[in-house]
PDB file of N, CA and C in Angstrom:
ATOM      1  N   MET A   1       0.707  -1.430   0.077  1.00  0.00           N
ATOM      2  CA  MET A   1      -0.070   0.018  -0.029  1.00  0.00           C
ATOM      3  C   MET A   1       0.552   1.491  -0.284  1.00  0.00           C
ATOM      4  N   LEU A   2       1.936   1.100   0.762  1.00  0.00           N
ATOM      5  CA  LEU A   2       2.932   2.429   0.773  1.00  0.00           C
ATOM      6  C   LEU A   2       3.523   2.799  -0.599  1.00  0.00           C
ATOM      7  N   GLY A   3       3.810   1.703  -1.115  1.00  0.00           N
ATOM      8  CA  GLY A   3       4.109   1.651  -2.606  1.00  0.00           C
ATOM      9  C   GLY A   3       3.196   2.396  -4.049  1.00  0.00           C
ATOM     10  N   ALA A   4       2.015   1.984  -3.394  1.00  0.00           N
ATOM     11  CA  ALA A   4       0.894   2.626  -4.015  1.00  0.00           C
ATOM     12  C   ALA A   4       0.520   4.031  -3.911  1.00  0.00           C
ATOM     13  N   LEU A   5       1.020   4.500  -2.664  1.00  0.00           N
ATOM     14  CA  LEU A   5       0.974   5.963  -2.121  1.00  0.00           C
ATOM     15  C   LEU A   5       2.158   6.642  -3.085  1.00  0.00           C
ATOM     16  N   LEU A   6       3.204   6.025  -2.735  1.00  0.00           N
ATOM     17  CA  LEU A   6       4.268   6.512  -3.380  1.00  0.00           C
ATOM     18  C   LEU A   6       4.473   6.785  -4.979  1.00  0.00           C
ATOM     19  N   PHE A   7       3.778   5.933  -5.569  1.00  0.00           N
ATOM     20  CA  PHE A   7       3.890   5.864  -7.165  1.00  0.00           C
ATOM     21  C   PHE A   7       2.499   6.489  -7.720  1.00  0.00           C
ATOM     22  N   ARG A   8       1.790   6.728  -6.726  1.00  0.00           N
ATOM     23  CA  ARG A   8       0.465   7.611  -7.107  1.00  0.00           C
ATOM     24  C   ARG A   8      -0.528   6.851  -8.002  1.00  0.00           C
ATOM     25  N   VAL A   9      -0.524   5.422  -7.551  1.00  0.00           N
ATOM     26  CA  VAL A   9      -1.551   4.739  -8.535  1.00  0.00           C
ATOM     27  C   VAL A   9      -2.924   4.389  -7.863  1.00  0.00           C
ATOM     28  N   ASN A  10      -3.736   3.865  -8.553  1.00  0.00           N
ATOM     29  CA  ASN A  10      -5.034   3.677  -8.033  1.00  0.00           C
ATOM     30  C   ASN A  10      -5.170   2.767  -6.924  1.00  0.00           C
ATOM     31  N   LEU A  11      -5.402   3.523  -5.445  1.00  0.00           N
ATOM     32  CA  LEU A  11      -5.511   2.681  -4.218  1.00  0.00           C
ATOM     33  C   LEU A  11      -6.549   1.580  -4.050  1.00  0.00           C
ATOM     34  N   PRO A  12      -7.689   1.662  -4.515  1.00  0.00           N
ATOM     35  CA  PRO A  12      -8.348   0.379  -4.629  1.00  0.00           C
ATOM     36  C   PRO A  12      -8.084  -0.731  -5.414  1.00  0.00           C
ATOM     37  N   VAL A  13      -7.775  -0.579  -6.572  1.00  0.00           N
ATOM     38  CA  VAL A  13      -6.756  -1.450  -7.452  1.00  0.00           C
ATOM     39  C   VAL A  13      -5.744  -1.937  -6.471  1.00  0.00           C
ATOM     40  N   ALA A  14      -5.130  -1.364  -5.879  1.00  0.00           N
ATOM     41  CA  ALA A  14      -3.874  -1.823  -5.356  1.00  0.00           C
ATOM     42  C   ALA A  14      -4.215  -2.693  -3.996  1.00  0.00           C
ATOM     43  N   ALA A  15      -5.187  -2.212  -3.246  1.00  0.00           N
ATOM     44  CA  ALA A  15      -5.899  -3.169  -2.468  1.00  0.00           C
ATOM     45  C   ALA A  15      -6.433  -4.262  -2.724  1.00  0.00           C
ATOM     46  N   ILE A  16      -7.017  -4.220  -3.743  1.00  0.00           N
ATOM     47  CA  ILE A  16      -7.541  -5.470  -4.320  1.00  0.00           C
ATOM     48  C   ILE A  16      -6.588  -6.603  -4.462  1.00  0.00           C
ATOM     49  N   THR A  17      -5.590  -6.246  -5.464  1.00  0.00           N
ATOM     50  CA  THR A  17      -4.647  -6.996  -5.827  1.00  0.00           C
ATOM     51  C   THR A  17      -3.954  -7.915  -4.904  1.00  0.00           C
ATOM     52  N   VAL A  18      -3.661  -6.949  -3.507  1.00  0.00           N
ATOM     53  CA  VAL A  18      -3.089  -7.494  -2.582  1.00  0.00           C
ATOM     54  C   VAL A  18      -3.619  -8.765  -2.200  1.00  0.00           C
ATOM     55  N   TRP A  19      -5.227  -8.789  -2.226  1.00  0.00           N
ATOM     56  CA  TRP A  19      -5.752 -10.151  -1.837  1.00  0.00           C
ATOM     57  C   TRP A  19      -6.157 -10.967  -2.625  1.00  0.00           C
ATOM     58  N   VAL A  20      -5.727 -10.775  -3.925  1.00  0.00           N
ATOM     59  CA  VAL A  20      -5.855 -11.865  -4.920  1.00  0.00           C
ATOM     60  C   VAL A  20      -4.767 -12.418  -5.245  1.00  0.00           C
ATOM     61  N   SER A  21      -3.495 -12.038  -5.136  1.00  0.00           N
ATOM     62  CA  SER A  21      -2.213 -12.642  -5.212  1.00  0.00           C
ATOM     63  C   SER A  21      -1.487 -12.427  -4.101  1.00  0.00           C
ATOM     64  N   ASN A  22      -1.461 -13.221  -3.344  1.00  0.00           N
ATOM     65  CA  ASN A  22      -0.685 -13.416  -1.950  1.00  0.00           C
ATOM     66  C   ASN A  22      -0.193 -14.717  -1.610  1.00  0.00           C
ATOM     67  N   PRO A  23       0.511 -14.868  -0.625  1.00  0.00           N
ATOM     68  CA  PRO A  23       1.197 -16.321  -0.340  1.00  0.00           C
ATOM     69  C   PRO A  23       0.178 -17.379  -0.087  1.00  0.00           C
ATOM     70  N   VAL A  24      -0.942 -16.965   0.379  1.00  0.00           N
ATOM     71  CA  VAL A  24      -2.250 -18.178   0.584  1.00  0.00           C
ATOM     72  C   VAL A  24      -2.946 -18.416  -0.613  1.00  0.00           C
ATOM     73  N   THR A  25      -3.049 -17.637  -1.677  1.00  0.00           N
ATOM     74  CA  THR A  25      -3.936 -17.753  -2.966  1.00  0.00           C
ATOM     75  C   THR A  25      -2.817 -18.301  -3.887  1.00  0.00           C
ATOM     76  N   PHE A  26      -1.797 -17.857  -3.907  1.00  0.00           N
ATOM     77  CA  PHE A  26      -0.973 -18.543  -5.224  1.00  0.00           C
ATOM     78  C   PHE A  26      -1.014 -19.728  -5.569  1.00  0.00           C
ATOM     79  N   VAL A  27      -0.795 -20.546  -4.373  1.00  0.00           N
ATOM     80  CA  VAL A  27      -0.907 -22.180  -4.764  1.00  0.00           C
ATOM     81  C   VAL A  27      -2.174 -22.427  -5.597  1.00  0.00           C
ATOM     82  N   PRO A  28      -3.337 -22.280  -5.007  1.00  0.00           N
ATOM     83  CA  PRO A  28      -4.663 -22.607  -5.937  1.00  0.00           C
ATOM     84  C   PRO A  28      -4.682 -21.762  -7.124  1.00  0.00           C
ATOM     85  N   ILE A  29      -3.961 -20.660  -7.393  1.00  0.00           N
ATOM     86  CA  ILE A  29      -3.931 -20.203  -8.703  1.00  0.00           C
ATOM     87  C   ILE A  29      -3.181 -20.681  -9.638  1.00  0.00           C
ATOM     88  N   PHE A  30      -1.734 -20.794  -9.196  1.00  0.00           N
ATOM     89  CA  PHE A  30      -0.725 -21.640  -9.767  1.00  0.00           C
ATOM     90  C   PHE A  30      -1.165 -23.184 -10.147  1.00  0.00           C
ATOM     91  N   TYR A  31      -2.123 -23.931  -9.225  1.00  0.00           N
ATOM     92  CA  TYR A  31      -2.443 -25.106  -9.850  1.00  0.00           C
ATOM     93  C   TYR A  31      -3.670 -24.972 -10.689  1.00  0.00           C
ATOM     94  N   LEU A  32      -4.551 -24.074 -10.536  1.00  0.00           N
ATOM     95  CA  LEU A  32      -5.595 -24.076 -11.830  1.00  0.00           C
ATOM     96  C   LEU A  32      -4.892 -23.807 -13.273  1.00  0.00           C
ATOM     97  N   ALA A  33      -3.989 -22.824 -12.878  1.00  0.00           N
ATOM     98  CA  ALA A  33      -3.083 -22.648 -14.372  1.00  0.00           C
ATOM     99  C   ALA A  33      -2.543 -23.826 -14.960  1.00  0.00           C
ATOM    100  N   TYR A  34      -2.229 -24.489 -14.081  1.00  0.00           N
ATOM    101  CA  TYR A  34      -1.475 -25.515 -14.363  1.00  0.00           C
ATOM    102  C   TYR A  34      -2.295 -26.704 -15.112  1.00  0.00           C
ATOM    103  N   LYS A  35      -3.624 -26.885 -14.430  1.00  0.00           N
ATOM    104  CA  LYS A  35      -4.581 -27.808 -14.980  1.00  0.00           C
ATOM    105  C   LYS A  35      -5.194 -27.438 -16.348  1.00  0.00           C
ATOM    106  N   ILE A  36      -5.577 -26.090 -16.315  1.00  0.00           N
ATOM    107  CA  ILE A  36      -5.672 -25.418 -17.671  1.00  0.00           C
ATOM    108  C   ILE A  36      -4.966 -25.846 -18.731  1.00  0.00           C
ATOM    109  N   GLY A  37      -3.720 -25.251 -18.484  1.00  0.00           N
ATOM    110  CA  GLY A  37      -2.457 -25.486 -19.583  1.00  0.00           C
ATOM    111  C   GLY A  37      -2.339 -27.011 -19.680  1.00  0.00           C
ATOM    112  N   ALA A  38      -2.458 -27.961 -18.867  1.00  0.00           N
ATOM    113  CA  ALA A  38      -2.307 -29.402 -18.959  1.00  0.00           C
ATOM    114  C   ALA A  38      -3.583 -29.814 -19.680  1.00  0.00           C
ATOM    115  N   ALA A  39      -4.624 -29.484 -19.764  1.00  0.00           N
ATOM    116  CA  ALA A  39      -5.823 -29.945 -20.382  1.00  0.00           C
ATOM    117  C   ALA A  39      -5.678 -29.315 -21.573  1.00  0.00           C
ATOM    118  N   LEU A  40      -5.295 -28.255 -22.107  1.00  0.00           N
ATOM    119  CA  LEU A  40      -5.222 -27.597 -23.204  1.00  0.00           C
ATOM    120  C   LEU A  40      -4.194 -28.140 -24.236  1.00  0.00           C
ATOM    121  N   ILE A  41      -2.666 -28.427 -23.626  1.00  0.00           N
ATOM    122  CA  ILE A  41      -1.869 -28.994 -24.462  1.00  0.00           C
ATOM    123  C   ILE A  41      -2.128 -30.508 -24.456  1.00  0.00           C
ATOM    124  N   GLY A  42      -2.859 -31.049 -23.380  1.00  0.00           N
ATOM    125  CA  GLY A  42      -2.772 -32.607 -23.664  1.00  0.00           C
ATOM    126  C   GLY A  42      -1.846 -33.286 -22.926  1.00  0.00           C
ATOM    127  N   VAL A  43      -1.468 -32.783 -21.730  1.00  0.00           N
ATOM    128  CA  VAL A  43      -0.357 -33.497 -20.931  1.00  0.00           C
ATOM    129  C   VAL A  43      -1.164 -34.028 -19.662  1.00  0.00           C
ATOM    130  N   PRO A  44      -0.555 -35.095 -19.018  1.00  0.00           N
ATOM    131  CA  PRO A  44      -1.502 -35.905 -17.906  1.00  0.00           C
ATOM    132  C   PRO A  44      -1.150 -34.859 -16.730  1.00  0.00           C
ATOM    133  N   ILE A  45      -2.150 -34.674 -15.762  1.00  0.00           N
ATOM    134  CA  ILE A  45      -1.870 -33.824 -14.687  1.00  0.00           C
ATOM    135  C   ILE A  45      -1.355 -34.707 -13.540  1.00  0.00           C
ATOM    136  N   GLU A  46      -0.100 -34.339 -13.084  1.00  0.00           N
ATOM    137  CA  GLU A  46       0.705 -34.790 -11.846  1.00  0.00           C
ATOM    138  C   GLU A  46      -0.184 -34.561 -10.770  1.00  0.00           C
ATOM    139  N   VAL A  47       0.034 -35.588  -9.866  1.00  0.00           N
ATOM    140  CA  VAL A  47      -0.649 -35.552  -8.749  1.00  0.00           C
ATOM    141  C   VAL A  47       0.463 -35.357  -7.427  1.00  0.00           C
ATOM    142  N   ALA A  48       0.194 -34.164  -6.664  1.00  0.00           N
ATOM    143  CA  ALA A  48       0.995 -33.811  -5.675  1.00  0.00           C
ATOM    144  C   ALA A  48       1.297 -34.715  -4.802  1.00  0.00           C
ATOM    145  N   PRO A  49       2.302 -35.059  -3.953  1.00  0.00           N
ATOM    146  CA  PRO A  49       2.327 -36.065  -3.167  1.00  0.00           C
ATOM    147  C   PRO A  49       1.801 -35.644  -1.800  1.00  0.00           C
ATOM    148  N   ALA A  50       1.815 -36.300  -0.866  1.00  0.00           N
ATOM    149  CA  ALA A  50       1.087 -36.436   0.495  1.00  0.00           C
ATOM    150  C   ALA A  50       2.083 -35.123   1.371  1.00  0.00           C
ATOM    151  N   GLU A  51       3.474 -35.129   1.112  1.00  0.00           N
ATOM    152  CA  GLU A  51       4.075 -34.088   1.725  1.00  0.00           C
ATOM    153  C   GLU A  51       4.953 -33.471   0.618  1.00  0.00           C
ATOM    154  N   LEU A  52       4.604 -32.096   0.821  1.00  0.00           N
ATOM    155  CA  LEU A  52       5.410 -31.264  -0.391  1.00  0.00           C
ATOM    156  C   LEU A  52       6.792 -30.620   0.242  1.00  0.00           C
ATOM    157  N   SER A  53       7.768 -30.659  -0.882  1.00  0.00           N
ATOM    158  CA  SER A  53       8.954 -30.180  -0.619  1.00  0.00           C
ATOM    159  C   SER A  53       9.311 -29.432  -1.522  1.00  0.00           C
ATOM    160  N   TRP A  54      10.674 -28.355  -1.246  1.00  0.00           N
ATOM    161  CA  TRP A  54      11.101 -27.961  -2.155  1.00  0.00           C
ATOM    162  C   TRP A  54      11.981 -28.434  -3.163  1.00  0.00           C
ATOM    163  N   ALA A  55      12.366 -29.151  -2.805  1.00  0.00           N
ATOM    164  CA  ALA A  55      13.001 -30.357  -3.819  1.00  0.00           C
ATOM    165  C   ALA A  55      11.869 -30.913  -4.902  1.00  0.00           C
ATOM    166  N   TRP A  56      10.843 -31.385  -4.170  1.00  0.00           N
ATOM    167  CA  TRP A  56       9.833 -31.915  -5.436  1.00  0.00           C
ATOM    168  C   TRP A  56       9.314 -31.060  -6.219  1.00  0.00           C
ATOM    169  N   LEU A  57       9.136 -29.391  -5.571  1.00  0.00           N
ATOM    170  CA  LEU A  57       8.342 -28.479  -6.230  1.00  0.00           C
ATOM    171  C   LEU A  57       9.295 -28.208  -7.788  1.00  0.00           C
ATOM    172  N   SER A  58      11.012 -27.753  -7.112  1.00  0.00           N
ATOM    173  CA  SER A  58      11.547 -27.204  -8.036  1.00  0.00           C
ATOM    174  C   SER A  58      11.777 -28.538  -9.178  1.00  0.00           C
ATOM    175  N   GLN A  59      11.640 -29.650  -8.697  1.00  0.00           N
ATOM    176  CA  GLN A  59      11.794 -30.763  -9.914  1.00  0.00           C
ATOM    177  C   GLN A  59      10.614 -30.767 -10.838  1.00  0.00           C
ATOM    178  N   GLU A  60       9.473 -30.546 -10.243  1.00  0.00           N
ATOM    179  CA  GLU A  60       8.291 -30.734 -10.940  1.00  0.00           C
ATOM    180  C   GLU A  60       7.946 -29.301 -11.687  1.00  0.00           C
ATOM    181  N   ILE A  61       8.685 -28.414 -11.351  1.00  0.00           N
ATOM    182  CA  ILE A  61       8.376 -27.000 -12.193  1.00  0.00           C
ATOM    183  C   ILE A  61       9.497 -26.897 -13.347  1.00  0.00           C
ATOM    184  N   ALA A  62      10.412 -27.858 -12.912  1.00  0.00           N
ATOM    185  CA  ALA A  62      11.691 -28.007 -14.174  1.00  0.00           C
ATOM    186  C   ALA A  62      10.758 -28.919 -15.167  1.00  0.00           C
ATOM    187  N   VAL A  63      10.155 -29.768 -14.943  1.00  0.00           N
ATOM    188  CA  VAL A  63       9.506 -30.656 -15.943  1.00  0.00           C
ATOM    189  C   VAL A  63       8.260 -30.299 -16.637  1.00  0.00           C
ATOM    190  N   ASN A  64       7.495 -29.801 -15.580  1.00  0.00           N
ATOM    191  CA  ASN A  64       5.771 -29.410 -15.951  1.00  0.00           C
ATOM    192  C   ASN A  64       6.063 -27.784 -16.280  1.00  0.00           C
ATOM    193  N   TRP A  65       6.900 -27.310 -16.690  1.00  0.00           N
ATOM    194  CA  TRP A  65       6.902 -25.624 -16.812  1.00  0.00           C
ATOM    195  C   TRP A  65       5.707 -25.287 -18.001  1.00  0.00           C
ATOM    196  N   LYS A  66       5.850 -26.075 -18.791  1.00  0.00           N
ATOM    197  CA  LYS A  66       4.998 -25.671 -20.205  1.00  0.00           C
ATOM    198  C   LYS A  66       3.487 -25.531 -19.839  1.00  0.00           C
ATOM    199  N   PRO A  67       2.820 -26.532 -19.378  1.00  0.00           N
ATOM    200  CA  PRO A  67       1.428 -26.767 -18.792  1.00  0.00           C
ATOM    201  C   PRO A  67       1.049 -25.118 -17.957  1.00  0.00           C
ATOM    202  N   LEU A  68       2.199 -25.021 -16.864  1.00  0.00           N
ATOM    203  CA  LEU A  68       2.039 -24.030 -16.172  1.00  0.00           C
ATOM    204  C   LEU A  68       2.144 -22.729 -16.689  1.00  0.00           C
ATOM    205  N   PHE A  69       3.016 -22.306 -17.880  1.00  0.00           N
ATOM    206  CA  PHE A  69       3.428 -21.429 -18.486  1.00  0.00           C
ATOM    207  C   PHE A  69       2.122 -20.864 -19.403  1.00  0.00           C
ATOM    208  N   PHE A  70       1.913 -22.187 -19.989  1.00  0.00           N
ATOM    209  CA  PHE A  70       0.512 -21.490 -21.058  1.00  0.00           C
ATOM    210  C   PHE A  70      -0.718 -21.527 -20.208  1.00  0.00           C
ATOM    211  N   GLY A  71      -0.967 -22.237 -19.169  1.00  0.00           N
ATOM    212  CA  GLY A  71      -2.181 -21.899 -18.439  1.00  0.00           C
ATOM    213  C   GLY A  71      -2.226 -20.546 -17.742  1.00  0.00           C
ATOM    214  N   SER A  72      -0.968 -20.225 -17.525  1.00  0.00           N
ATOM    215  CA  SER A  72      -1.100 -18.729 -16.597  1.00  0.00           C
ATOM    216  C   SER A  72      -1.202 -17.617 -17.959  1.00  0.00           C
ATOM    217  N   LEU A  73      -0.769 -17.950 -18.890  1.00  0.00           N
ATOM    218  CA  LEU A  73      -0.886 -17.091 -20.145  1.00  0.00           C
ATOM    219  C   LEU A  73      -2.498 -17.283 -20.539  1.00  0.00           C
ATOM    220  N   VAL A  74      -2.986 -18.329 -20.615  1.00  0.00           N
ATOM    221  CA  VAL A  74      -4.545 -18.269 -20.903  1.00  0.00           C
ATOM    222  C   VAL A  74      -5.410 -17.739 -19.804  1.00  0.00           C
ATOM    223  N   MET A  75      -4.918 -18.261 -18.658  1.00  0.00           N
ATOM    224  CA  MET A  75      -5.852 -17.215 -17.393  1.00  0.00           C
ATOM    225  C   MET A  75      -5.356 -15.648 -17.513  1.00  0.00           C
ATOM    226  N   ALA A  76      -4.181 -15.384 -17.944  1.00  0.00           N
ATOM    227  CA  ALA A  76      -4.103 -13.952 -17.785  1.00  0.00           C
ATOM    228  C   ALA A  76      -4.825 -13.216 -19.132  1.00  0.00           C
ATOM    229  N   ILE A  77      -4.888 -13.662 -19.811  1.00  0.00           N
ATOM    230  CA  ILE A  77      -5.462 -13.138 -21.258  1.00  0.00           C
ATOM    231  C   ILE A  77      -7.197 -12.968 -20.931  1.00  0.00           C
ATOM    232  N   SER A  78      -7.683 -14.049 -20.493  1.00  0.00           N
ATOM    233  CA  SER A  78      -8.944 -14.307 -20.595  1.00  0.00           C
ATOM    234  C   SER A  78      -9.561 -13.582 -19.319  1.00  0.00           C
ATOM    235  N   VAL A  79      -8.691 -13.500 -18.290  1.00  0.00           N
ATOM    236  CA  VAL A  79      -9.260 -12.778 -17.143  1.00  0.00           C
ATOM    237  C   VAL A  79      -8.907 -11.260 -17.219  1.00  0.00           C
ATOM    238  N   SER A  80      -7.931 -10.950 -18.005  1.00  0.00           N
ATOM    239  CA  SER A  80      -7.542  -9.461 -18.090  1.00  0.00           C
ATOM    240  C   SER A  80      -8.709  -8.954 -19.240  1.00  0.00           C
ATOM    241  N   SER A  81      -8.806  -9.590 -20.202  1.00  0.00           N
ATOM    242  CA  SER A  81     -10.079  -9.295 -21.368  1.00  0.00           C
ATOM    243  C   SER A  81     -11.373  -9.128 -20.869  1.00  0.00           C
ATOM    244  N   THR A  82     -11.522 -10.036 -19.689  1.00  0.00           N
ATOM    245  CA  THR A  82     -13.256  -9.865 -19.014  1.00  0.00           C
ATOM    246  C   THR A  82     -13.191  -8.873 -18.130  1.00  0.00           C
ATOM    247  N   VAL A  83     -12.167  -8.494 -17.637  1.00  0.00           N
ATOM    248  CA  VAL A  83     -12.309  -7.683 -16.521  1.00  0.00           C
ATOM    249  C   VAL A  83     -12.217  -6.158 -17.306  1.00  0.00           C
ATOM    250  N   TYR A  84     -11.550  -5.914 -18.537  1.00  0.00           N
ATOM    251  CA  TYR A  84     -11.493  -4.917 -19.242  1.00  0.00           C
ATOM    252  C   TYR A  84     -12.825  -4.769 -20.030  1.00  0.00           C
ATOM    253  N   LEU A  85     -13.538  -5.564 -20.629  1.00  0.00           N
ATOM    254  CA  LEU A  85     -14.748  -5.660 -21.010  1.00  0.00           C
ATOM    255  C   LEU A  85     -15.856  -5.206 -20.026  1.00  0.00           C
ATOM    256  N   LEU A  86     -15.634  -5.969 -18.885  1.00  0.00           N
ATOM    257  CA  LEU A  86     -16.729  -5.606 -17.676  1.00  0.00           C
ATOM    258  C   LEU A  86     -16.453  -3.862 -17.351  1.00  0.00           C
ATOM    259  N   PHE A  87     -15.189  -3.393 -16.929  1.00  0.00           N
ATOM    260  CA  PHE A  87     -15.107  -2.287 -16.831  1.00  0.00           C
ATOM    261  C   PHE A  87     -15.395  -1.441 -17.835  1.00  0.00           C
ATOM    262  N   SER A  88     -15.456  -1.803 -19.042  1.00  0.00           N
ATOM    263  CA  SER A  88     -15.502  -0.766 -20.187  1.00  0.00           C
ATOM    264  C   SER A  88     -17.209  -0.487 -20.311  1.00  0.00           C
ATOM    265  N   PHE A  89     -18.045  -1.480 -20.287  1.00  0.00           N
ATOM    266  CA  PHE A  89     -19.413  -1.591 -20.202  1.00  0.00           C
ATOM    267  C   PHE A  89     -19.962  -0.837 -18.976  1.00  0.00           C
ATOM    268  N   VAL A  90     -19.356  -1.160 -18.001  1.00  0.00           N
ATOM    269  CA  VAL A  90     -19.948  -0.151 -16.452  1.00  0.00           C
ATOM    270  C   VAL A  90     -19.458   1.320 -16.832  1.00  0.00           C
ATOM    271  N   TRP A  91     -18.427   1.571 -17.375  1.00  0.00           N
ATOM    272  CA  TRP A  91     -17.809   3.303 -17.596  1.00  0.00           C
ATOM    273  C   TRP A  91     -18.989   3.631 -18.539  1.00  0.00           C
ATOM    274  N   HIS A  92     -19.131   2.925 -19.953  1.00  0.00           N
ATOM    275  CA  HIS A  92     -20.238   3.474 -20.995  1.00  0.00           C
ATOM    276  C   HIS A  92     -21.385   3.682 -20.281  1.00  0.00           C
ATOM    277  N   VAL A  93     -21.954   2.761 -19.158  1.00  0.00           N
ATOM    278  CA  VAL A  93     -23.467   2.585 -18.936  1.00  0.00           C
ATOM    279  C   VAL A  93     -23.231   3.940 -17.949  1.00  0.00           C
ATOM    280  N   SER A  94     -22.475   4.178 -17.089  1.00  0.00           N
ATOM    281  CA  SER A  94     -22.428   5.290 -15.996  1.00  0.00           C
ATOM    282  C   SER A  94     -22.283   6.675 -16.692  1.00  0.00           C
ATOM    283  N   THR A  95     -21.280   6.609 -17.867  1.00  0.00           N
ATOM    284  CA  THR A  95     -21.468   7.852 -18.585  1.00  0.00           C
ATOM    285  C   THR A  95     -22.745   8.438 -19.334  1.00  0.00           C
ATOM    286  N   VAL A  96     -23.226   7.611 -20.257  1.00  0.00           N
ATOM    287  CA  VAL A  96     -24.723   7.641 -20.536  1.00  0.00           C
ATOM    288  C   VAL A  96     -25.612   7.775 -19.485  1.00  0.00           C
ATOM    289  N   TYR A  97     -25.634   7.372 -18.383  1.00  0.00           N
ATOM    290  CA  TYR A  97     -26.736   7.616 -17.337  1.00  0.00           C
ATOM    291  C   TYR A  97     -26.289   9.227 -17.069  1.00  0.00           C
ATOM    292  N   ARG A  98     -25.212   9.670 -16.665  1.00  0.00           N
ATOM    293  CA  ARG A  98     -24.928  10.987 -16.398  1.00  0.00           C
ATOM    294  C   ARG A  98     -25.292  12.035 -17.401  1.00  0.00           C
ATOM    295  N   TYR A  99     -24.887  11.503 -18.897  1.00  0.00           N
ATOM    296  CA  TYR A  99     -25.259  12.151 -19.769  1.00  0.00           C
ATOM    297  C   TYR A  99     -26.792  12.593 -19.660  1.00  0.00           C
ATOM    298  N   ARG A 100     -27.408  11.485 -19.575  1.00  0.00           N
ATOM    299  CA  ARG A 100     -28.828  12.026 -19.727  1.00  0.00           C
ATOM    300  C   ARG A 100     -29.521  12.693 -18.558  1.00  0.00           C
ATOM    301  N   ARG A 101     -28.886  12.245 -17.537  1.00  0.00           N
ATOM    302  CA  ARG A 101     -29.316  13.322 -16.352  1.00  0.00           C
ATOM    303  C   ARG A 101     -29.143  14.423 -16.631  1.00  0.00           C
ATOM    304  N   ARG A 102     -27.557  14.939 -16.863  1.00  0.00           N
ATOM    305  CA  ARG A 102     -27.507  16.362 -17.039  1.00  0.00           C
ATOM    306  C   ARG A 102     -28.068  16.797 -18.148  1.00  0.00           C
ATOM    307  N   HIS A 103     -28.282  16.102 -19.189  1.00  0.00           N
ATOM    308  CA  HIS A 103     -29.277  16.708 -20.556  1.00  0.00           C
ATOM    309  C   HIS A 103     -30.388  17.132 -19.887  1.00  0.00           C
ATOM    310  N   GLN A 104     -31.066  16.028 -19.459  1.00  0.00           N
ATOM    311  CA  GLN A 104     -32.606  16.300 -18.743  1.00  0.00           C
ATOM    312  C   GLN A 104     -32.746  17.858 -17.791  1.00  0.00           C
ATOM    313  N   ARG A 105     -31.778  17.995 -17.015  1.00  0.00           N
ATOM    314  CA  ARG A 105     -31.694  18.878 -16.103  1.00  0.00           C
ATOM    315  C   ARG A 105     -31.530  20.207 -16.980  1.00  0.00           C
ATOM    316  N   THR A 106     -30.504  20.031 -18.152  1.00  0.00           N
ATOM    317  CA  THR A 106     -30.167  21.359 -19.215  1.00  0.00           C
ATOM    318  C   THR A 106     -31.630  21.616 -19.670  1.00  0.00           C
ATOM    319  N   VAL A 107     -32.126  20.577 -20.431  1.00  0.00           N
ATOM    320  CA  VAL A 107     -33.188  20.987 -21.179  1.00  0.00           C
ATOM    321  C   VAL A 107     -34.547  21.333 -20.214  1.00  0.00           C
ATOM    322  N   GLY A 108     -34.738  20.782 -19.146  1.00  0.00           N
ATOM    323  CA  GLY A 108     -35.872  21.108 -18.230  1.00  0.00           C
ATOM    324  C   GLY A 108     -35.435  22.563 -17.694  1.00  0.00           C
ATOM    325  N   SER A 109     -34.444  23.212 -17.763  1.00  0.00           N
ATOM    326  CA  SER A 109     -34.047  24.760 -17.376  1.00  0.00           C
ATOM    327  C   SER A 109     -34.435  25.505 -18.535  1.00  0.00           C
ATOM    328  N   ILE A 110     -33.948  25.134 -19.914  1.00  0.00           N
ATOM    329  CA  ILE A 110     -34.140  25.911 -21.225  1.00  0.00           C
ATOM    330  C   ILE A 110     -35.498  26.084 -21.127  1.00  0.00           C
ATOM    331  N   LYS A 111     -36.245  24.918 -21.170  1.00  0.00           N
ATOM    332  CA  LYS A 111     -37.671  25.035 -21.587  1.00  0.00           C
ATOM    333  C   LYS A 111     -38.666  25.855 -20.362  1.00  0.00           C
ATOM    334  N   GLY A 112     -38.247  26.235 -19.492  1.00  0.00           N
ATOM    335  CA  GLY A 112     -38.795  26.471 -18.167  1.00  0.00           C
ATOM    336  C   GLY A 112     -39.619  25.584 -17.430  1.00  0.00           C
ATOM    337  N   GLY A 113     -39.074  24.509 -17.208  1.00  0.00           N
ATOM    338  CA  GLY A 113     -39.532  23.517 -16.407  1.00  0.00           C
ATOM    339  C   GLY A 113     -40.530  23.946 -15.198  1.00  0.00           C
ATOM    340  N   LYS A 114     -41.300  23.060 -15.133  1.00  0.00           N
ATOM    341  CA  LYS A 114     -42.235  23.452 -13.931  1.00  0.00           C
ATOM    342  C   LYS A 114     -41.170  23.332 -12.454  1.00  0.00           C
ATOM    343  N   LYS A 115     -41.560  24.148 -11.555  1.00  0.00           N
ATOM    344  CA  LYS A 115     -40.967  23.843 -10.352  1.00  0.00           C
ATOM    345  C   LYS A 115     -42.079  23.790  -9.298  1.00  0.00           C
ATOM    346  N   LYS A 116     -41.773  22.788  -8.573  1.00  0.00           N
ATOM    347  CA  LYS A 116     -42.690  22.516  -7.501  1.00  0.00           C
ATOM    348  C   LYS A 116     -43.229  23.451  -6.545  1.00  0.00           C
ATOM    349  N   SER A 117     -44.512  23.616  -6.354  1.00  0.00           N
ATOM    350  CA  SER A 117     -44.636  24.346  -5.109  1.00  0.00           C
ATOM    351  C   SER A 117     -44.611  23.796  -3.917  1.00  0.00           C
ATOM    352  N   THR A 118     -44.393  24.638  -2.646  1.00  0.00           N
ATOM    353  CA  THR A 118     -44.032  23.940  -1.483  1.00  0.00           C
ATOM    354  C   THR A 118     -45.372  24.617  -0.879  1.00  0.00           C
ATOM    355  N   SER A 119     -46.207  25.208  -1.401  1.00  0.00           N
ATOM    356  CA  SER A 119     -47.579  25.496  -0.584  1.00  0.00           C
ATOM    357  C   SER A 119     -48.447  24.232  -0.355  1.00  0.00           C
TER     358      SER A 119
END
């Protein structure tokens, strides 16, 4: 968060990204990316051992980096495209709404719109 303030970036986005990718969530995210990549490439999915170790992890990444890389690429493109389109749609709808609201106020004042009486 301090880096976001220092570099003057969007604080809500910085706060959300901290919760999306952190030491607790990166394992499920990478495993999902690996499964997607393995399914798309056609590689059988390796089952994790009961007890994980750094030696096993480094060996598996050295062997299975292609499905992990491809799955990460597919996830990055699909998620970023979806979020971009969603935010573009929301921005467009909010802009049209604000324009119409402003335009109705302007047209009402030009036409001498009726004012409600308080009596």
